[in-house]
Amino acid sequence: MDMKDKKRVDEIVLRLKKIWDQRDLFIIEGEFSRLGVGNDLFDNARSIKRIIAPSKNAFEKYDQILTVAINVIPKDALILCALGMTATVLCYDLARKGFQAIDIGHIDVEYSWYRMGAIKKCPVPGKAVNEINAYPANRDCSDDSYKQAIIAKI
């Protein structure tokens, strides 16, 4: 959204997607983030599993999130964290324990805006958009593949 020159966005997206291409992906995210739901951002991952953490004040549950991640995620998987400032610390601690973990930030919301052709930050249906304090009206996600991917909820 913040790039003035959007000519290279397609190329950048393709390069980003190579990071998880044919990898087993574990996403640690806030309850309403729903990374990849409603778009094709992670369609090239081999598999997706999710650990759902609180959408706000996740650091209060930090030790529990870290413990669950260490106990359920294999070392050869790729971990993407979208959990605000908690994600930065979590990725550091996971990396110190031999995991490959990336604080992926707001990539899904940015990708959704790109696909929508948005020219300013706006709500994304069914997802939290912290930048504009927008949360989904319907708290339940009806996407079956999303629900089936959840392996832990904290």
N, C-alpha and C. Protein backbone atom coordinates (compact mmCIF):
# COMPACT_ATOMS: atom_id res chain seq x y z
N MET A 1 0.83 -1.20 0.00
CA MET A 1 0.00 0.00 0.00
C MET A 1 0.87 1.25 0.00
N ASP A 2 1.97 1.20 0.73
CA ASP A 2 2.79 2.41 0.89
C ASP A 2 3.77 2.64 -0.25
N MET A 3 3.88 1.70 -1.18
CA MET A 3 4.78 1.89 -2.31
C MET A 3 4.15 2.87 -3.31
N LYS A 4 4.87 3.90 -3.66
CA LYS A 4 4.35 4.86 -4.64
C LYS A 4 4.36 4.25 -6.03
N ASP A 5 5.46 3.60 -6.38
CA ASP A 5 5.60 2.97 -7.69
C ASP A 5 5.22 1.50 -7.55
N LYS A 6 4.09 1.12 -8.10
CA LYS A 6 3.57 -0.24 -7.94
C LYS A 6 3.91 -1.14 -9.13
N LYS A 7 4.79 -0.67 -10.03
CA LYS A 7 5.12 -1.45 -11.23
C LYS A 7 5.74 -2.80 -10.91
N ARG A 8 6.48 -2.89 -9.81
CA ARG A 8 7.19 -4.12 -9.48
C ARG A 8 6.46 -5.01 -8.49
N VAL A 9 5.25 -4.67 -8.12
CA VAL A 9 4.55 -5.43 -7.10
C VAL A 9 4.35 -6.88 -7.52
N ASP A 10 3.97 -7.13 -8.76
CA ASP A 10 3.80 -8.52 -9.23
C ASP A 10 5.08 -9.32 -9.01
N GLU A 11 6.20 -8.75 -9.38
CA GLU A 11 7.49 -9.42 -9.21
C GLU A 11 7.81 -9.66 -7.74
N ILE A 12 7.54 -8.69 -6.91
CA ILE A 12 7.79 -8.81 -5.47
C ILE A 12 6.93 -9.92 -4.89
N VAL A 13 5.66 -9.98 -5.26
CA VAL A 13 4.76 -11.02 -4.76
C VAL A 13 5.26 -12.40 -5.18
N LEU A 14 5.67 -12.54 -6.43
CA LEU A 14 6.21 -13.83 -6.89
C LEU A 14 7.44 -14.24 -6.10
N ARG A 15 8.30 -13.30 -5.81
CA ARG A 15 9.50 -13.61 -5.02
C ARG A 15 9.14 -14.00 -3.58
N LEU A 16 8.19 -13.30 -3.00
CA LEU A 16 7.74 -13.65 -1.65
C LEU A 16 7.18 -15.07 -1.61
N LYS A 17 6.37 -15.40 -2.60
CA LYS A 17 5.76 -16.73 -2.64
C LYS A 17 6.79 -17.85 -2.75
N LYS A 18 7.96 -17.55 -3.27
CA LYS A 18 9.03 -18.55 -3.37
C LYS A 18 9.53 -18.96 -1.99
N ILE A 19 9.37 -18.10 -1.01
CA ILE A 19 9.84 -18.40 0.34
C ILE A 19 9.16 -19.66 0.88
N TRP A 20 7.87 -19.80 0.64
CA TRP A 20 7.13 -20.96 1.17
C TRP A 20 6.74 -21.97 0.09
N ASP A 21 7.29 -21.83 -1.10
CA ASP A 21 6.95 -22.72 -2.20
C ASP A 21 7.24 -24.18 -1.84
N GLN A 22 6.20 -24.99 -1.88
CA GLN A 22 6.26 -26.43 -1.61
C GLN A 22 6.85 -26.75 -0.23
N ARG A 23 6.62 -25.88 0.72
CA ARG A 23 7.07 -26.09 2.11
C ARG A 23 5.86 -26.39 2.98
N ASP A 24 6.10 -27.12 4.05
CA ASP A 24 5.09 -27.29 5.09
C ASP A 24 5.12 -26.02 5.91
N LEU A 25 3.99 -25.36 5.96
CA LEU A 25 3.89 -24.03 6.54
C LEU A 25 3.06 -24.08 7.82
N PHE A 26 3.60 -23.46 8.87
CA PHE A 26 2.87 -23.29 10.13
C PHE A 26 2.71 -21.79 10.34
N ILE A 27 1.47 -21.37 10.49
CA ILE A 27 1.17 -19.96 10.68
C ILE A 27 0.73 -19.75 12.13
N ILE A 28 1.42 -18.85 12.81
CA ILE A 28 1.03 -18.45 14.16
C ILE A 28 0.46 -17.05 14.02
N GLU A 29 -0.83 -16.92 14.29
CA GLU A 29 -1.52 -15.67 13.99
C GLU A 29 -2.57 -15.33 15.03
N GLY A 30 -2.98 -14.08 15.02
CA GLY A 30 -4.07 -13.64 15.88
C GLY A 30 -5.39 -14.24 15.41
N GLU A 31 -6.32 -14.29 16.31
CA GLU A 31 -7.60 -14.96 16.08
C GLU A 31 -8.34 -14.49 14.83
N PHE A 32 -8.21 -13.24 14.46
CA PHE A 32 -8.97 -12.73 13.32
C PHE A 32 -8.08 -12.36 12.13
N SER A 33 -6.83 -12.77 12.16
CA SER A 33 -5.92 -12.47 11.04
C SER A 33 -6.27 -13.28 9.80
N ARG A 34 -6.41 -14.58 9.97
CA ARG A 34 -6.85 -15.47 8.89
C ARG A 34 -6.02 -15.35 7.62
N LEU A 35 -4.70 -15.43 7.78
CA LEU A 35 -3.79 -15.29 6.66
C LEU A 35 -4.12 -16.27 5.54
N GLY A 36 -4.23 -15.75 4.34
CA GLY A 36 -4.47 -16.57 3.16
C GLY A 36 -5.92 -16.93 2.90
N VAL A 37 -6.80 -16.67 3.84
CA VAL A 37 -8.21 -16.99 3.64
C VAL A 37 -8.80 -15.97 2.66
N GLY A 38 -9.43 -16.47 1.62
CA GLY A 38 -10.04 -15.59 0.62
C GLY A 38 -9.09 -15.11 -0.46
N ASN A 39 -7.85 -15.60 -0.44
CA ASN A 39 -6.92 -15.25 -1.51
C ASN A 39 -5.98 -16.43 -1.77
N ASP A 40 -5.09 -16.27 -2.72
CA ASP A 40 -4.21 -17.36 -3.14
C ASP A 40 -2.77 -17.20 -2.65
N LEU A 41 -2.57 -16.38 -1.64
CA LEU A 41 -1.22 -16.05 -1.20
C LEU A 41 -0.38 -17.28 -0.85
N PHE A 42 -0.98 -18.26 -0.21
CA PHE A 42 -0.22 -19.44 0.23
C PHE A 42 -0.59 -20.71 -0.52
N ASP A 43 -1.22 -20.56 -1.67
CA ASP A 43 -1.65 -21.73 -2.45
C ASP A 43 -0.51 -22.64 -2.87
N ASN A 44 0.70 -22.12 -2.94
CA ASN A 44 1.83 -22.95 -3.37
C ASN A 44 2.55 -23.64 -2.21
N ALA A 45 2.08 -23.45 -0.99
CA ALA A 45 2.65 -24.18 0.14
C ALA A 45 2.23 -25.64 0.04
N ARG A 46 3.09 -26.55 0.51
CA ARG A 46 2.75 -27.98 0.49
C ARG A 46 1.59 -28.25 1.44
N SER A 47 1.65 -27.65 2.62
CA SER A 47 0.58 -27.81 3.60
C SER A 47 0.57 -26.59 4.50
N ILE A 48 -0.57 -26.36 5.15
CA ILE A 48 -0.71 -25.25 6.08
C ILE A 48 -1.36 -25.76 7.36
N LYS A 49 -0.71 -25.46 8.47
CA LYS A 49 -1.27 -25.70 9.80
C LYS A 49 -1.23 -24.38 10.54
N ARG A 50 -2.13 -24.21 11.50
CA ARG A 50 -2.24 -22.93 12.19
C ARG A 50 -2.29 -23.07 13.70
N ILE A 51 -1.63 -22.14 14.35
CA ILE A 51 -1.77 -21.95 15.79
C ILE A 51 -2.42 -20.58 15.96
N ILE A 52 -3.58 -20.57 16.59
CA ILE A 52 -4.34 -19.33 16.76
C ILE A 52 -4.08 -18.79 18.16
N ALA A 53 -3.64 -17.55 18.20
CA ALA A 53 -3.34 -16.87 19.46
C ALA A 53 -4.32 -15.71 19.65
N PRO A 54 -4.31 -15.09 20.81
CA PRO A 54 -5.21 -13.95 21.02
C PRO A 54 -4.97 -12.84 20.01
N SER A 55 -6.04 -12.19 19.59
CA SER A 55 -5.92 -11.11 18.61
C SER A 55 -5.37 -9.83 19.23
N LYS A 56 -5.47 -9.71 20.53
CA LYS A 56 -4.93 -8.54 21.24
C LYS A 56 -4.18 -9.04 22.48
N ASN A 57 -3.14 -8.30 22.85
CA ASN A 57 -2.35 -8.61 24.04
C ASN A 57 -1.81 -10.05 24.02
N ALA A 58 -1.37 -10.49 22.87
CA ALA A 58 -0.86 -11.86 22.73
C ALA A 58 0.35 -12.12 23.62
N PHE A 59 1.12 -11.09 23.92
CA PHE A 59 2.31 -11.30 24.73
C PHE A 59 1.98 -11.81 26.13
N GLU A 60 0.77 -11.56 26.59
CA GLU A 60 0.34 -12.09 27.89
C GLU A 60 0.33 -13.62 27.88
N LYS A 61 0.22 -14.22 26.71
CA LYS A 61 0.21 -15.68 26.56
C LYS A 61 1.50 -16.18 25.89
N TYR A 62 2.54 -15.35 25.92
CA TYR A 62 3.77 -15.66 25.19
C TYR A 62 4.35 -17.02 25.51
N ASP A 63 4.52 -17.32 26.79
CA ASP A 63 5.14 -18.60 27.16
C ASP A 63 4.32 -19.78 26.64
N GLN A 64 3.03 -19.68 26.70
CA GLN A 64 2.16 -20.74 26.20
C GLN A 64 2.27 -20.87 24.67
N ILE A 65 2.29 -19.75 23.96
CA ILE A 65 2.43 -19.78 22.51
C ILE A 65 3.75 -20.43 22.11
N LEU A 66 4.84 -20.02 22.75
CA LEU A 66 6.15 -20.57 22.46
C LEU A 66 6.20 -22.06 22.75
N THR A 67 5.68 -22.48 23.87
CA THR A 67 5.69 -23.90 24.25
C THR A 67 4.91 -24.74 23.25
N VAL A 68 3.72 -24.29 22.88
CA VAL A 68 2.92 -25.03 21.90
C VAL A 68 3.67 -25.13 20.58
N ALA A 69 4.23 -24.02 20.12
CA ALA A 69 4.96 -24.02 18.85
C ALA A 69 6.10 -25.03 18.87
N ILE A 70 6.89 -25.01 19.93
CA ILE A 70 8.04 -25.92 20.03
C ILE A 70 7.58 -27.38 20.05
N ASN A 71 6.45 -27.64 20.68
CA ASN A 71 5.98 -29.01 20.83
C ASN A 71 5.25 -29.58 19.62
N VAL A 72 4.70 -28.73 18.76
CA VAL A 72 3.90 -29.26 17.64
C VAL A 72 4.48 -29.02 16.26
N ILE A 73 5.44 -28.12 16.14
CA ILE A 73 5.98 -27.78 14.82
C ILE A 73 7.29 -28.53 14.59
N PRO A 74 7.38 -29.26 13.47
CA PRO A 74 8.64 -29.92 13.15
C PRO A 74 9.71 -28.91 12.75
N LYS A 75 10.96 -29.24 13.03
CA LYS A 75 12.07 -28.31 12.77
C LYS A 75 12.25 -28.00 11.28
N ASP A 76 11.80 -28.89 10.39
CA ASP A 76 12.00 -28.63 8.96
C ASP A 76 10.87 -27.81 8.33
N ALA A 77 9.88 -27.44 9.11
CA ALA A 77 8.77 -26.63 8.61
C ALA A 77 9.16 -25.15 8.62
N LEU A 78 8.43 -24.37 7.86
CA LEU A 78 8.59 -22.92 7.86
C LEU A 78 7.48 -22.32 8.72
N ILE A 79 7.86 -21.42 9.60
CA ILE A 79 6.89 -20.77 10.48
C ILE A 79 6.74 -19.31 10.06
N LEU A 80 5.49 -18.89 9.83
CA LEU A 80 5.18 -17.49 9.58
C LEU A 80 4.39 -16.97 10.77
N CYS A 81 4.85 -15.89 11.35
CA CYS A 81 4.17 -15.31 12.51
C CYS A 81 3.57 -13.97 12.14
N ALA A 82 2.31 -13.80 12.45
CA ALA A 82 1.60 -12.54 12.27
C ALA A 82 0.88 -12.28 13.59
N LEU A 83 1.60 -11.64 14.49
CA LEU A 83 1.09 -11.49 15.85
C LEU A 83 1.61 -10.20 16.48
N GLY A 84 1.64 -9.14 15.67
CA GLY A 84 2.11 -7.87 16.19
C GLY A 84 3.53 -7.95 16.70
N MET A 85 3.81 -7.19 17.73
CA MET A 85 5.16 -7.17 18.29
C MET A 85 5.56 -8.50 18.90
N THR A 86 4.59 -9.27 19.31
CA THR A 86 4.88 -10.60 19.86
C THR A 86 5.57 -11.47 18.82
N ALA A 87 5.22 -11.30 17.55
CA ALA A 87 5.80 -12.12 16.48
C ALA A 87 7.31 -11.92 16.39
N THR A 88 7.78 -10.72 16.59
CA THR A 88 9.21 -10.44 16.47
C THR A 88 9.99 -11.21 17.52
N VAL A 89 9.56 -11.15 18.76
CA VAL A 89 10.23 -11.86 19.85
C VAL A 89 10.09 -13.37 19.65
N LEU A 90 8.91 -13.81 19.25
CA LEU A 90 8.65 -15.23 19.05
C LEU A 90 9.56 -15.81 17.96
N CYS A 91 9.70 -15.11 16.86
CA CYS A 91 10.58 -15.58 15.78
C CYS A 91 12.03 -15.67 16.25
N TYR A 92 12.45 -14.72 17.03
CA TYR A 92 13.82 -14.74 17.57
C TYR A 92 14.02 -15.98 18.44
N ASP A 93 13.10 -16.21 19.36
CA ASP A 93 13.23 -17.36 20.26
C ASP A 93 13.13 -18.68 19.52
N LEU A 94 12.26 -18.76 18.54
CA LEU A 94 12.15 -19.99 17.74
C LEU A 94 13.42 -20.22 16.93
N ALA A 95 13.97 -19.18 16.36
CA ALA A 95 15.22 -19.31 15.59
C ALA A 95 16.36 -19.79 16.48
N ARG A 96 16.42 -19.30 17.69
CA ARG A 96 17.46 -19.74 18.64
C ARG A 96 17.32 -21.22 18.98
N LYS A 97 16.12 -21.76 18.80
CA LYS A 97 15.89 -23.18 19.08
C LYS A 97 15.97 -24.03 17.80
N GLY A 98 16.41 -23.43 16.69
CA GLY A 98 16.64 -24.18 15.47
C GLY A 98 15.50 -24.20 14.46
N PHE A 99 14.48 -23.37 14.66
CA PHE A 99 13.36 -23.29 13.73
C PHE A 99 13.61 -22.17 12.72
N GLN A 100 13.01 -22.28 11.54
CA GLN A 100 13.03 -21.18 10.59
C GLN A 100 11.70 -20.44 10.76
N ALA A 101 11.77 -19.22 11.29
CA ALA A 101 10.56 -18.46 11.60
C ALA A 101 10.71 -17.04 11.06
N ILE A 102 9.64 -16.55 10.45
CA ILE A 102 9.63 -15.21 9.85
C ILE A 102 8.45 -14.42 10.41
N ASP A 103 8.76 -13.21 10.89
CA ASP A 103 7.71 -12.27 11.28
C ASP A 103 7.19 -11.67 9.97
N ILE A 104 6.06 -12.14 9.53
CA ILE A 104 5.54 -11.82 8.20
C ILE A 104 4.69 -10.55 8.20
N GLY A 105 4.44 -10.01 9.37
CA GLY A 105 3.73 -8.73 9.48
C GLY A 105 2.34 -8.77 8.87
N HIS A 106 2.02 -7.73 8.13
CA HIS A 106 0.68 -7.56 7.56
C HIS A 106 0.63 -7.97 6.10
N ILE A 107 1.43 -8.96 5.73
CA ILE A 107 1.52 -9.35 4.32
C ILE A 107 0.16 -9.70 3.73
N ASP A 108 -0.67 -10.39 4.48
CA ASP A 108 -1.96 -10.82 3.96
C ASP A 108 -2.88 -9.64 3.67
N VAL A 109 -2.92 -8.69 4.58
CA VAL A 109 -3.76 -7.50 4.38
C VAL A 109 -3.22 -6.69 3.20
N GLU A 110 -1.91 -6.52 3.14
CA GLU A 110 -1.30 -5.79 2.02
C GLU A 110 -1.61 -6.49 0.70
N TYR A 111 -1.50 -7.82 0.69
CA TYR A 111 -1.79 -8.58 -0.53
C TYR A 111 -3.26 -8.44 -0.91
N SER A 112 -4.14 -8.48 0.08
CA SER A 112 -5.57 -8.31 -0.19
C SER A 112 -5.85 -6.94 -0.79
N TRP A 113 -5.24 -5.90 -0.23
CA TRP A 113 -5.43 -4.55 -0.79
C TRP A 113 -4.93 -4.50 -2.22
N TYR A 114 -3.79 -5.12 -2.47
CA TYR A 114 -3.22 -5.15 -3.82
C TYR A 114 -4.19 -5.82 -4.79
N ARG A 115 -4.74 -6.96 -4.38
CA ARG A 115 -5.68 -7.68 -5.25
C ARG A 115 -6.98 -6.90 -5.44
N MET A 116 -7.39 -6.14 -4.43
CA MET A 116 -8.61 -5.34 -4.52
C MET A 116 -8.40 -4.06 -5.34
N GLY A 117 -7.15 -3.71 -5.59
CA GLY A 117 -6.85 -2.45 -6.26
C GLY A 117 -7.10 -1.26 -5.36
N ALA A 118 -7.01 -1.47 -4.05
CA ALA A 118 -7.28 -0.40 -3.09
C ALA A 118 -6.24 0.71 -3.22
N ILE A 119 -6.69 1.93 -3.09
CA ILE A 119 -5.77 3.07 -3.14
C ILE A 119 -5.57 3.69 -1.76
N LYS A 120 -6.34 3.22 -0.79
CA LYS A 120 -6.12 3.62 0.60
C LYS A 120 -6.48 2.44 1.49
N LYS A 121 -6.00 2.46 2.71
CA LYS A 121 -6.23 1.38 3.65
C LYS A 121 -7.73 1.28 3.94
N CYS A 122 -8.25 0.06 3.83
CA CYS A 122 -9.68 -0.15 3.98
C CYS A 122 -9.93 -1.51 4.61
N PRO A 123 -11.13 -1.77 5.07
CA PRO A 123 -11.43 -3.09 5.63
C PRO A 123 -11.26 -4.19 4.59
N VAL A 124 -10.88 -5.37 5.06
CA VAL A 124 -10.79 -6.56 4.23
C VAL A 124 -11.83 -7.53 4.78
N PRO A 125 -12.80 -7.92 3.97
CA PRO A 125 -13.88 -8.77 4.47
C PRO A 125 -13.38 -10.02 5.21
N GLY A 126 -13.91 -10.20 6.42
CA GLY A 126 -13.62 -11.39 7.22
C GLY A 126 -12.32 -11.37 7.98
N LYS A 127 -11.57 -10.25 7.95
CA LYS A 127 -10.26 -10.21 8.58
C LYS A 127 -10.09 -8.96 9.42
N ALA A 128 -9.21 -9.08 10.41
CA ALA A 128 -8.83 -7.91 11.20
C ALA A 128 -7.85 -7.07 10.39
N VAL A 129 -8.04 -5.76 10.42
CA VAL A 129 -7.11 -4.82 9.79
C VAL A 129 -6.74 -3.81 10.87
N ASN A 130 -5.67 -4.11 11.59
CA ASN A 130 -5.28 -3.29 12.74
C ASN A 130 -4.97 -1.85 12.35
N GLU A 131 -4.44 -1.64 11.14
CA GLU A 131 -4.04 -0.31 10.73
C GLU A 131 -5.19 0.69 10.75
N ILE A 132 -6.41 0.20 10.57
CA ILE A 132 -7.57 1.09 10.57
C ILE A 132 -8.59 0.68 11.64
N ASN A 133 -8.15 -0.18 12.56
CA ASN A 133 -9.00 -0.63 13.67
C ASN A 133 -10.30 -1.25 13.18
N ALA A 134 -10.20 -2.12 12.15
CA ALA A 134 -11.37 -2.79 11.59
C ALA A 134 -11.30 -4.28 11.93
N TYR A 135 -12.39 -4.80 12.42
CA TYR A 135 -12.46 -6.22 12.78
C TYR A 135 -13.68 -6.83 12.11
N PRO A 136 -13.62 -8.12 11.82
CA PRO A 136 -14.75 -8.75 11.11
C PRO A 136 -16.03 -8.71 11.94
N ALA A 137 -17.12 -8.38 11.28
CA ALA A 137 -18.42 -8.35 11.96
C ALA A 137 -18.80 -9.76 12.40
N ASN A 138 -18.54 -10.72 11.53
CA ASN A 138 -18.81 -12.12 11.86
C ASN A 138 -17.53 -12.72 12.42
N ARG A 139 -17.54 -13.04 13.70
CA ARG A 139 -16.34 -13.54 14.37
C ARG A 139 -15.98 -14.96 13.93
N ASP A 140 -16.93 -15.70 13.41
CA ASP A 140 -16.68 -17.07 12.95
C ASP A 140 -16.25 -17.06 11.50
N CYS A 141 -15.28 -17.90 11.18
CA CYS A 141 -14.83 -18.04 9.79
C CYS A 141 -15.48 -19.28 9.21
N SER A 142 -16.11 -19.15 8.07
CA SER A 142 -16.83 -20.28 7.47
C SER A 142 -15.95 -21.10 6.52
N ASP A 143 -14.70 -20.72 6.34
CA ASP A 143 -13.80 -21.42 5.44
C ASP A 143 -13.36 -22.75 6.07
N ASP A 144 -13.79 -23.87 5.48
CA ASP A 144 -13.50 -25.20 6.04
C ASP A 144 -12.02 -25.51 6.07
N SER A 145 -11.28 -25.14 5.03
CA SER A 145 -9.85 -25.46 5.01
C SER A 145 -9.12 -24.68 6.11
N TYR A 146 -9.57 -23.47 6.40
CA TYR A 146 -9.01 -22.69 7.51
C TYR A 146 -9.26 -23.42 8.83
N LYS A 147 -10.49 -23.81 9.06
CA LYS A 147 -10.84 -24.49 10.31
C LYS A 147 -10.05 -25.79 10.49
N GLN A 148 -9.92 -26.56 9.41
CA GLN A 148 -9.22 -27.84 9.47
C GLN A 148 -7.72 -27.65 9.71
N ALA A 149 -7.17 -26.51 9.35
CA ALA A 149 -5.74 -26.26 9.51
C ALA A 149 -5.36 -25.91 10.94
N ILE A 150 -6.34 -25.56 11.77
CA ILE A 150 -6.05 -25.15 13.15
C ILE A 150 -5.67 -26.36 13.99
N ILE A 151 -4.44 -26.34 14.51
CA ILE A 151 -3.97 -27.45 15.34
C ILE A 151 -3.92 -27.08 16.82
N ALA A 152 -3.97 -25.78 17.11
CA ALA A 152 -3.97 -25.33 18.50
C ALA A 152 -4.59 -23.95 18.56
N LYS A 153 -5.30 -23.70 19.65
CA LYS A 153 -5.87 -22.37 19.89
C LYS A 153 -5.53 -21.99 21.32
N ILE A 154 -4.93 -20.82 21.47
CA ILE A 154 -4.46 -20.39 22.79
C ILE A 154 -5.32 -19.24 23.28
